[in-house]
PDB file of N, CA and C in Angstrom:
ATOM      1  N   MET A   1      79.211  90.348  82.665  1.00  0.00           N
ATOM      2  CA  MET A   1      79.049  90.254  84.299  1.00  0.00           C
ATOM      3  C   MET A   1      80.581  89.980  84.913  1.00  0.00           C
ATOM      4  N   PHE A   2      80.989  90.162  85.791  1.00  0.00           N
ATOM      5  CA  PHE A   2      82.653  90.274  86.105  1.00  0.00           C
ATOM      6  C   PHE A   2      82.183  90.960  87.825  1.00  0.00           C
ATOM      7  N   THR A   3      82.736  89.538  88.568  1.00  0.00           N
ATOM      8  CA  THR A   3      82.842  88.525  89.198  1.00  0.00           C
ATOM      9  C   THR A   3      83.504  88.734  90.375  1.00  0.00           C
ATOM     10  N   VAL A   4      83.003  89.323  91.835  1.00  0.00           N
ATOM     11  CA  VAL A   4      84.546  88.903  92.615  1.00  0.00           C
ATOM     12  C   VAL A   4      84.386  88.162  94.208  1.00  0.00           C
ATOM     13  N   GLN A   5      84.943  86.832  93.926  1.00  0.00           N
ATOM     14  CA  GLN A   5      84.817  86.325  94.547  1.00  0.00           C
ATOM     15  C   GLN A   5      86.096  85.867  95.468  1.00  0.00           C
ATOM     16  N   ILE A   6      85.618  85.300  97.706  1.00  0.00           N
ATOM     17  CA  ILE A   6      86.737  85.948  97.892  1.00  0.00           C
ATOM     18  C   ILE A   6      87.030  84.225  98.469  1.00  0.00           C
ATOM     19  N   GLU A   7      88.439  83.894  98.286  1.00  0.00           N
ATOM     20  CA  GLU A   7      88.991  82.711  97.903  1.00  0.00           C
ATOM     21  C   GLU A   7      88.500  81.533  98.922  1.00  0.00           C
ATOM     22  N   ARG A   8      88.696  81.815 100.020  1.00  0.00           N
ATOM     23  CA  ARG A   8      88.974  81.043 101.948  1.00  0.00           C
ATOM     24  C   ARG A   8      87.943  81.770 102.670  1.00  0.00           C
ATOM     25  N   GLU A   9      87.400  81.034 103.377  1.00  0.00           N
ATOM     26  CA  GLU A   9      85.769  81.597 104.030  1.00  0.00           C
ATOM     27  C   GLU A   9      87.031  81.315 105.950  1.00  0.00           C
ATOM     28  N   CYS A  10      87.095  82.731 106.057  1.00  0.00           N
ATOM     29  CA  CYS A  10      87.732  82.372 106.970  1.00  0.00           C
ATOM     30  C   CYS A  10      86.285  82.679 108.450  1.00  0.00           C
ATOM     31  N   GLY A  11      86.945  82.017 109.749  1.00  0.00           N
ATOM     32  CA  GLY A  11      85.992  82.800 110.504  1.00  0.00           C
ATOM     33  C   GLY A  11      85.233  84.609 110.412  1.00  0.00           C
ATOM     34  N   CYS A  12      86.291  85.216 110.631  1.00  0.00           N
ATOM     35  CA  CYS A  12      86.066  86.526 110.897  1.00  0.00           C
ATOM     36  C   CYS A  12      85.274  87.244 109.195  1.00  0.00           C
ATOM     37  N   LEU A  13      85.059  86.599 108.356  1.00  0.00           N
ATOM     38  CA  LEU A  13      84.419  86.774 107.382  1.00  0.00           C
ATOM     39  C   LEU A  13      82.462  86.106 107.433  1.00  0.00           C
ATOM     40  N   ARG A  14      83.027  85.189 107.582  1.00  0.00           N
ATOM     41  CA  ARG A  14      81.365  84.990 108.426  1.00  0.00           C
ATOM     42  C   ARG A  14      80.415  85.227 109.369  1.00  0.00           C
ATOM     43  N   LYS A  15      81.687  86.007 109.985  1.00  0.00           N
ATOM     44  CA  LYS A  15      81.030  86.834 111.399  1.00  0.00           C
ATOM     45  C   LYS A  15      80.550  88.146 110.645  1.00  0.00           C
ATOM     46  N   SER A  16      80.574  88.457 109.570  1.00  0.00           N
ATOM     47  CA  SER A  16      80.673  89.694 108.575  1.00  0.00           C
ATOM     48  C   SER A  16      79.555  89.220 107.957  1.00  0.00           C
ATOM     49  N   ASP A  17      78.926  91.474 107.433  1.00  0.00           N
ATOM     50  CA  ASP A  17      78.210  90.931 106.110  1.00  0.00           C
ATOM     51  C   ASP A  17      78.735  91.320 105.462  1.00  0.00           C
ATOM     52  N   ILE A  18      79.965  90.818 104.830  1.00  0.00           N
ATOM     53  CA  ILE A  18      80.555  91.064 103.762  1.00  0.00           C
ATOM     54  C   ILE A  18      80.323  89.636 103.208  1.00  0.00           C
ATOM     55  N   GLN A  19      79.926  89.936 101.552  1.00  0.00           N
ATOM     56  CA  GLN A  19      78.794  88.563 100.795  1.00  0.00           C
ATOM     57  C   GLN A  19      80.648  88.147 100.191  1.00  0.00           C
ATOM     58  N   LYS A  20      79.502  87.027 100.094  1.00  0.00           N
ATOM     59  CA  LYS A  20      81.876  85.931  99.487  1.00  0.00           C
ATOM     60  C   LYS A  20      82.198  86.204  97.978  1.00  0.00           C
ATOM     61  N   GLU A  21      80.750  85.923  97.723  1.00  0.00           N
ATOM     62  CA  GLU A  21      81.208  86.301  96.212  1.00  0.00           C
ATOM     63  C   GLU A  21      79.637  87.010  95.874  1.00  0.00           C
ATOM     64  N   LYS A  22      80.060  88.336  94.985  1.00  0.00           N
ATOM     65  CA  LYS A  22      79.159  89.302  94.686  1.00  0.00           C
ATOM     66  C   LYS A  22      79.132  90.179  92.826  1.00  0.00           C
ATOM     67  N   SER A  23      78.828  89.700  91.954  1.00  0.00           N
ATOM     68  CA  SER A  23      78.698  90.789  90.771  1.00  0.00           C
ATOM     69  C   SER A  23      78.521  91.993  90.112  1.00  0.00           C
ATOM     70  N   PHE A  24      79.508  92.106  89.322  1.00  0.00           N
ATOM     71  CA  PHE A  24      79.382  93.478  89.045  1.00  0.00           C
ATOM     72  C   PHE A  24      78.982  93.562  87.160  1.00  0.00           C
ATOM     73  N   ASP A  25      77.884  94.720  86.947  1.00  0.00           N
ATOM     74  CA  ASP A  25      77.783  94.779  85.105  1.00  0.00           C
ATOM     75  C   ASP A  25      79.198  95.745  85.170  1.00  0.00           C
ATOM     76  N   LYS A  26      80.538  96.697  85.846  1.00  0.00           N
ATOM     77  CA  LYS A  26      81.370  97.262  84.522  1.00  0.00           C
ATOM     78  C   LYS A  26      82.585  96.731  85.109  1.00  0.00           C
ATOM     79  N   ARG A  27      83.059  96.372  84.370  1.00  0.00           N
ATOM     80  CA  ARG A  27      84.850  95.644  85.102  1.00  0.00           C
ATOM     81  C   ARG A  27      85.505  96.865  86.410  1.00  0.00           C
ATOM     82  N   GLU A  28      85.320  98.505  86.030  1.00  0.00           N
ATOM     83  CA  GLU A  28      85.878  99.461  87.362  1.00  0.00           C
ATOM     84  C   GLU A  28      85.277  99.363  88.485  1.00  0.00           C
ATOM     85  N   ASP A  29      84.034  98.762  88.463  1.00  0.00           N
ATOM     86  CA  ASP A  29      83.091  98.199  89.687  1.00  0.00           C
ATOM     87  C   ASP A  29      83.770  96.815  90.118  1.00  0.00           C
ATOM     88  N   ALA A  30      84.823  95.989  90.002  1.00  0.00           N
ATOM     89  CA  ALA A  30      84.256  94.785  89.790  1.00  0.00           C
ATOM     90  C   ALA A  30      86.144  94.820  90.746  1.00  0.00           C
ATOM     91  N   ILE A  31      86.496  96.023  89.795  1.00  0.00           N
ATOM     92  CA  ILE A  31      88.017  96.319  90.556  1.00  0.00           C
ATOM     93  C   ILE A  31      87.898  96.986  91.354  1.00  0.00           C
ATOM     94  N   PHE A  32      86.574  97.727  91.866  1.00  0.00           N
ATOM     95  CA  PHE A  32      87.151  98.767  92.951  1.00  0.00           C
ATOM     96  C   PHE A  32      87.117  98.031  94.183  1.00  0.00           C
ATOM     97  N   TYR A  33      85.503  97.539  94.292  1.00  0.00           N
ATOM     98  CA  TYR A  33      84.768  96.492  94.930  1.00  0.00           C
ATOM     99  C   TYR A  33      86.299  95.448  95.966  1.00  0.00           C
ATOM    100  N   SER A  34      86.816  95.004  95.306  1.00  0.00           N
ATOM    101  CA  SER A  34      87.690  94.275  95.170  1.00  0.00           C
ATOM    102  C   SER A  34      88.674  94.658  96.096  1.00  0.00           C
ATOM    103  N   GLN A  35      89.215  95.700  95.468  1.00  0.00           N
ATOM    104  CA  GLN A  35      90.125  96.210  96.549  1.00  0.00           C
ATOM    105  C   GLN A  35      89.532  96.920  97.967  1.00  0.00           C
ATOM    106  N   ALA A  36      88.282  97.253  97.330  1.00  0.00           N
ATOM    107  CA  ALA A  36      88.254  97.911  98.831  1.00  0.00           C
ATOM    108  C   ALA A  36      87.415  96.518  99.793  1.00  0.00           C
ATOM    109  N   ILE A  37      86.729  95.292  99.160  1.00  0.00           N
ATOM    110  CA  ILE A  37      87.144  94.951 100.665  1.00  0.00           C
ATOM    111  C   ILE A  37      88.385  94.664 101.271  1.00  0.00           C
ATOM    112  N   ALA A  38      89.302  93.928  99.942  1.00  0.00           N
ATOM    113  CA  ALA A  38      90.731  94.036 100.678  1.00  0.00           C
ATOM    114  C   ALA A  38      90.819  95.145 101.604  1.00  0.00           C
ATOM    115  N   GLU A  39      90.477  95.669 101.761  1.00  0.00           N
ATOM    116  CA  GLU A  39      91.620  96.943 102.221  1.00  0.00           C
ATOM    117  C   GLU A  39      90.576  96.540 103.624  1.00  0.00           C
ATOM    118  N   THR A  40      89.131  96.908 103.877  1.00  0.00           N
ATOM    119  CA  THR A  40      88.850  96.053 104.788  1.00  0.00           C
ATOM    120  C   THR A  40      88.994  95.173 105.648  1.00  0.00           C
ATOM    121  N   MET A  41      88.910  94.467 105.472  1.00  0.00           N
ATOM    122  CA  MET A  41      89.048  93.102 105.546  1.00  0.00           C
ATOM    123  C   MET A  41      90.305  93.143 106.493  1.00  0.00           C
ATOM    124  N   ASN A  42      91.609  93.313 106.060  1.00  0.00           N
ATOM    125  CA  ASN A  42      92.943  93.193 106.156  1.00  0.00           C
ATOM    126  C   ASN A  42      92.867  94.627 107.899  1.00  0.00           C
ATOM    127  N   GLU A  43      91.685  95.812 107.989  1.00  0.00           N
ATOM    128  CA  GLU A  43      91.797  96.790 108.565  1.00  0.00           C
ATOM    129  C   GLU A  43      91.045  96.223 110.163  1.00  0.00           C
ATOM    130  N   ASP A  44      89.891  95.465 109.313  1.00  0.00           N
ATOM    131  CA  ASP A  44      88.544  95.577 110.549  1.00  0.00           C
ATOM    132  C   ASP A  44      89.053  93.869 111.308  1.00  0.00           C
ATOM    133  N   PHE A  45      89.546  92.913 110.181  1.00  0.00           N
ATOM    134  CA  PHE A  45      89.376  92.049 110.940  1.00  0.00           C
ATOM    135  C   PHE A  45      90.377  91.218 111.662  1.00  0.00           C
ATOM    136  N   CYS A  46      91.119  90.115 112.699  1.00  0.00           N
ATOM    137  CA  CYS A  46      91.615  89.880 113.290  1.00  0.00           C
ATOM    138  C   CYS A  46      93.149  89.353 113.470  1.00  0.00           C
ATOM    139  N   SER A  47      93.327  90.244 112.478  1.00  0.00           N
ATOM    140  CA  SER A  47      95.206  90.328 111.853  1.00  0.00           C
ATOM    141  C   SER A  47      95.944  88.276 111.550  1.00  0.00           C
ATOM    142  N   LYS A  48      95.455  87.838 111.784  1.00  0.00           N
ATOM    143  CA  LYS A  48      95.176  86.207 111.201  1.00  0.00           C
ATOM    144  C   LYS A  48      95.532  86.108 109.711  1.00  0.00           C
ATOM    145  N   HIS A  49      94.416  86.983 109.489  1.00  0.00           N
ATOM    146  CA  HIS A  49      95.079  86.383 107.315  1.00  0.00           C
ATOM    147  C   HIS A  49      95.473  87.684 107.101  1.00  0.00           C
ATOM    148  N   HIS A  50      95.846  87.508 105.776  1.00  0.00           N
ATOM    149  CA  HIS A  50      96.355  88.725 105.063  1.00  0.00           C
ATOM    150  C   HIS A  50      95.539  89.119 103.539  1.00  0.00           C
ATOM    151  N   PHE A  51      94.804  89.422 102.846  1.00  0.00           N
ATOM    152  CA  PHE A  51      93.730  89.714 102.179  1.00  0.00           C
ATOM    153  C   PHE A  51      94.048  90.724 101.057  1.00  0.00           C
ATOM    154  N   THR A  52      94.419  90.415  99.818  1.00  0.00           N
ATOM    155  CA  THR A  52      95.036  90.922  98.519  1.00  0.00           C
ATOM    156  C   THR A  52      93.855  90.832  97.702  1.00  0.00           C
ATOM    157  N   ALA A  53      93.590  91.520  97.201  1.00  0.00           N
ATOM    158  CA  ALA A  53      92.669  91.389  95.236  1.00  0.00           C
ATOM    159  C   ALA A  53      93.737  91.734  94.227  1.00  0.00           C
ATOM    160  N   ARG A  54      93.102  90.249  93.430  1.00  0.00           N
ATOM    161  CA  ARG A  54      94.133  90.536  92.262  1.00  0.00           C
ATOM    162  C   ARG A  54      92.804  89.523  90.606  1.00  0.00           C
ATOM    163  N   ALA A  55      93.372  90.352  90.075  1.00  0.00           N
ATOM    164  CA  ALA A  55      92.713  89.463  88.628  1.00  0.00           C
ATOM    165  C   ALA A  55      93.109  87.985  88.851  1.00  0.00           C
ATOM    166  N   ALA A  56      91.214  87.369  88.142  1.00  0.00           N
ATOM    167  CA  ALA A  56      91.833  86.449  87.862  1.00  0.00           C
ATOM    168  C   ALA A  56      91.522  85.955  86.528  1.00  0.00           C
ATOM    169  N   ALA A  57      90.784  84.043  86.174  1.00  0.00           N
ATOM    170  CA  ALA A  57      90.636  83.976  84.799  1.00  0.00           C
ATOM    171  C   ALA A  57      89.174  84.849  84.418  1.00  0.00           C
ATOM    172  N   GLY A  58      89.884  85.298  83.352  1.00  0.00           N
ATOM    173  CA  GLY A  58      88.502  85.917  82.278  1.00  0.00           C
ATOM    174  C   GLY A  58      87.691  87.100  83.261  1.00  0.00           C
ATOM    175  N   ASP A  59      86.460  86.957  83.928  1.00  0.00           N
ATOM    176  CA  ASP A  59      85.766  88.124  84.106  1.00  0.00           C
ATOM    177  C   ASP A  59      85.727  88.236  85.904  1.00  0.00           C
ATOM    178  N   GLU A  60      86.602  87.530  85.680  1.00  0.00           N
ATOM    179  CA  GLU A  60      86.942  86.796  87.453  1.00  0.00           C
ATOM    180  C   GLU A  60      87.875  88.009  89.012  1.00  0.00           C
ATOM    181  N   PHE A  61      87.473  88.896  89.673  1.00  0.00           N
ATOM    182  CA  PHE A  61      88.510  88.793  90.235  1.00  0.00           C
ATOM    183  C   PHE A  61      88.059  87.916  91.804  1.00  0.00           C
ATOM    184  N   VAL A  62      88.961  88.102  92.544  1.00  0.00           N
ATOM    185  CA  VAL A  62      89.700  86.910  93.330  1.00  0.00           C
ATOM    186  C   VAL A  62      90.137  88.334  95.413  1.00  0.00           C
ATOM    187  N   ILE A  63      89.488  87.356  95.742  1.00  0.00           N
ATOM    188  CA  ILE A  63      90.355  88.516  97.133  1.00  0.00           C
ATOM    189  C   ILE A  63      90.690  87.066  97.487  1.00  0.00           C
ATOM    190  N   GLY A  64      91.927  87.180  97.729  1.00  0.00           N
ATOM    191  CA  GLY A  64      92.725  85.685  98.425  1.00  0.00           C
ATOM    192  C   GLY A  64      93.529  85.991  99.519  1.00  0.00           C
ATOM    193  N   VAL A  65      93.759  84.693 100.037  1.00  0.00           N
ATOM    194  CA  VAL A  65      93.864  85.126 101.497  1.00  0.00           C
ATOM    195  C   VAL A  65      94.824  83.981 101.985  1.00  0.00           C
ATOM    196  N   GLY A  66      95.786  84.782 102.567  1.00  0.00           N
ATOM    197  CA  GLY A  66      97.190  84.650 103.106  1.00  0.00           C
ATOM    198  C   GLY A  66      97.363  84.484 104.801  1.00  0.00           C
ATOM    199  N   GLU A  67      98.670  84.289 105.032  1.00  0.00           N
ATOM    200  CA  GLU A  67      98.849  84.478 106.175  1.00  0.00           C
ATOM    201  C   GLU A  67      99.455  86.172 107.406  1.00  0.00           C
ATOM    202  N   GLY A  68      98.246  86.027 107.950  1.00  0.00           N
ATOM    203  CA  GLY A  68      98.725  87.154 108.210  1.00  0.00           C
ATOM    204  C   GLY A  68      99.942  88.215 109.194  1.00  0.00           C
ATOM    205  N   SER A  69     100.251  89.783 109.462  1.00  0.00           N
ATOM    206  CA  SER A  69     101.190  89.430 110.773  1.00  0.00           C
ATOM    207  C   SER A  69     100.457  88.593 111.765  1.00  0.00           C
ATOM    208  N   GLY A  70      99.283  88.762 112.363  1.00  0.00           N
ATOM    209  CA  GLY A  70      99.544  88.396 114.088  1.00  0.00           C
ATOM    210  C   GLY A  70      99.725  86.390 113.701  1.00  0.00           C
ATOM    211  N   GLY A  71      99.826  85.463 112.969  1.00  0.00           N
ATOM    212  CA  GLY A  71     100.234  84.582 112.705  1.00  0.00           C
ATOM    213  C   GLY A  71      98.755  83.462 113.363  1.00  0.00           C
ATOM    214  N   GLY A  72      99.172  82.589 113.343  1.00  0.00           N
ATOM    215  CA  GLY A  72      98.324  81.629 114.031  1.00  0.00           C
ATOM    216  C   GLY A  72      97.054  81.127 113.359  1.00  0.00           C
ATOM    217  N   CYS A  73      96.032  80.996 113.706  1.00  0.00           N
ATOM    218  CA  CYS A  73      95.137  80.410 113.005  1.00  0.00           C
ATOM    219  C   CYS A  73      93.612  80.793 113.609  1.00  0.00           C
ATOM    220  N   CYS A  74      92.383  81.469 112.598  1.00  0.00           N
ATOM    221  CA  CYS A  74      91.395  81.779 113.136  1.00  0.00           C
ATOM    222  C   CYS A  74      89.928  81.059 113.526  1.00  0.00           C
ATOM    223  N   GLY A  75      90.781  79.654 113.170  1.00  0.00           N
ATOM    224  CA  GLY A  75      89.749  78.759 114.026  1.00  0.00           C
ATOM    225  C   GLY A  75      88.667  78.585 112.321  1.00  0.00           C
ATOM    226  N   GLY A  76      88.465  79.405 111.291  1.00  0.00           N
ATOM    227  CA  GLY A  76      87.861  79.484 110.023  1.00  0.00           C
ATOM    228  C   GLY A  76      88.164  78.160 109.450  1.00  0.00           C
ATOM    229  N   GLY A  77      89.606  76.593 109.747  1.00  0.00           N
ATOM    230  CA  GLY A  77      88.695  75.195 109.940  1.00  0.00           C
ATOM    231  C   GLY A  77      89.716  75.136 108.003  1.00  0.00           C
ATOM    232  N   HIS A  78      90.588  76.469 107.324  1.00  0.00           N
ATOM    233  CA  HIS A  78      91.244  75.743 106.300  1.00  0.00           C
ATOM    234  C   HIS A  78      93.003  75.900 106.316  1.00  0.00           C
ATOM    235  N   CYS A  79      93.280  76.038 107.795  1.00  0.00           N
ATOM    236  CA  CYS A  79      94.870  76.660 108.544  1.00  0.00           C
ATOM    237  C   CYS A  79      95.698  75.330 108.357  1.00  0.00           C
ATOM    238  N   GLY A  80      94.465  74.146 108.639  1.00  0.00           N
ATOM    239  CA  GLY A  80      95.716  73.285 108.660  1.00  0.00           C
ATOM    240  C   GLY A  80      95.745  71.838 107.797  1.00  0.00           C
TER     241      GLY A  80
END
């Protein structure tokens, strides 16, 4: 089982239909999903954070959260 997790939950994620964690039977499906979700979040969210997909330990993939091009905070409670 391969798991994709979003590192930190921002306000835009809470307002979306995107799941914070999702599991897959195939590694390729987890890789594709993590990359697609990171791209979707970068395109559709408020641009105050930047999201990147990366492999983590074992069978886990993480969508990391960093400062985006817009600067500031989305009010998710994790920036301060």
